[in-house]
């Protein structure tokens, strides 16, 4: 698993045994990562109605 916070583009790629999560640019994409039930997801504050 690799988590990057300075890549500027939100990205979540998962293969059978590897995960790459780029948190994106907070000022443009409003994205963040979430770990829940053993898996990562890429979320956006815009999606949550905030």
C-alpha atoms as a PDB file:
ATOM      1  CA  UNK A   1       0.000   0.000   0.000  1.00  0.00           C
ATOM      2  CA  UNK A   2       1.262   3.473  -0.916  1.00  0.00           C
ATOM      3  CA  UNK A   3      -0.486   6.666   0.230  1.00  0.00           C
ATOM      4  CA  UNK A   4       0.618   9.957  -1.307  1.00  0.00           C
ATOM      5  CA  UNK A   5      -0.489  13.391  -0.176  1.00  0.00           C
ATOM      6  CA  UNK A   6       1.452  15.595  -2.606  1.00  0.00           C
ATOM      7  CA  UNK A   7       0.511  14.261  -6.044  1.00  0.00           C
ATOM      8  CA  UNK A   8      -2.236  16.865  -6.757  1.00  0.00           C
ATOM      9  CA  UNK A   9      -4.488  14.438  -8.648  1.00  0.00           C
ATOM     10  CA  UNK A  10      -6.915  12.192  -6.756  1.00  0.00           C
ATOM     11  CA  UNK A  11      -6.314   8.572  -7.658  1.00  0.00           C
ATOM     12  CA  UNK A  12      -7.190   5.158  -6.239  1.00  0.00           C
ATOM     13  CA  UNK A  13      -5.800   2.090  -8.009  1.00  0.00           C
ATOM     14  CA  UNK A  14      -6.111  -1.389  -6.591  1.00  0.00           C
ATOM     15  CA  UNK A  15      -4.776  -4.693  -7.897  1.00  0.00           C
ATOM     16  CA  UNK A  16      -4.987  -8.108  -6.264  1.00  0.00           C
ATOM     17  CA  UNK A  17      -2.301  -7.280  -3.689  1.00  0.00           C
ATOM     18  CA  UNK A  18      -1.440  -3.568  -4.056  1.00  0.00           C
ATOM     19  CA  UNK A  19      -3.178  -0.249  -3.470  1.00  0.00           C
ATOM     20  CA  UNK A  20      -2.087   3.230  -4.570  1.00  0.00           C
ATOM     21  CA  UNK A  21      -4.009   6.132  -3.012  1.00  0.00           C
ATOM     22  CA  UNK A  22      -3.254   9.749  -3.909  1.00  0.00           C
ATOM     23  CA  UNK A  23      -5.223  12.183  -1.776  1.00  0.00           C
ATOM     24  CA  UNK A  24      -5.295  14.880  -4.448  1.00  0.00           C
ATOM     25  CA  UNK A  25      -5.230  18.659  -4.123  1.00  0.00           C
ATOM     26  CA  UNK A  26      -7.398  19.893  -1.271  1.00  0.00           C
ATOM     27  CA  UNK A  27      -7.961  23.331  -2.853  1.00  0.00           C
ATOM     28  CA  UNK A  28      -9.245  21.952  -6.172  1.00  0.00           C
ATOM     29  CA  UNK A  29     -10.657  18.463  -5.582  1.00  0.00           C
ATOM     30  CA  UNK A  30     -11.639  18.481  -1.862  1.00  0.00           C
ATOM     31  CA  UNK A  31     -10.669  14.805  -1.663  1.00  0.00           C
ATOM     32  CA  UNK A  32      -9.601  12.618   1.238  1.00  0.00           C
ATOM     33  CA  UNK A  33      -8.951   8.940   1.884  1.00  0.00           C
ATOM     34  CA  UNK A  34     -11.000   6.695   4.100  1.00  0.00           C
ATOM     35  CA  UNK A  35     -10.157   3.277   5.576  1.00  0.00           C
ATOM     36  CA  UNK A  36     -13.305   1.317   6.390  1.00  0.00           C
ATOM     37  CA  UNK A  37     -13.992  -2.410   6.718  1.00  0.00           C
ATOM     38  CA  UNK A  38     -10.481  -3.310   5.556  1.00  0.00           C
ATOM     39  CA  UNK A  39     -10.468  -1.235   2.354  1.00  0.00           C
ATOM     40  CA  UNK A  40      -9.498   2.243   1.224  1.00  0.00           C
ATOM     41  CA  UNK A  41     -11.803   4.580  -0.661  1.00  0.00           C
ATOM     42  CA  UNK A  42     -11.310   8.027  -2.146  1.00  0.00           C
ATOM     43  CA  UNK A  43     -13.959  10.490  -0.977  1.00  0.00           C
ATOM     44  CA  UNK A  44     -14.818  14.111  -1.724  1.00  0.00           C
ATOM     45  CA  UNK A  45     -16.376  16.647   0.611  1.00  0.00           C
ATOM     46  CA  UNK A  46     -18.432  17.819  -2.370  1.00  0.00           C
ATOM     47  CA  UNK A  47     -19.994  14.326  -2.519  1.00  0.00           C
ATOM     48  CA  UNK A  48     -21.096  14.515   1.120  1.00  0.00           C
ATOM     49  CA  UNK A  49     -23.068  17.731   0.651  1.00  0.00           C
ATOM     50  CA  UNK A  50     -20.668  19.877   2.692  1.00  0.00           C
END
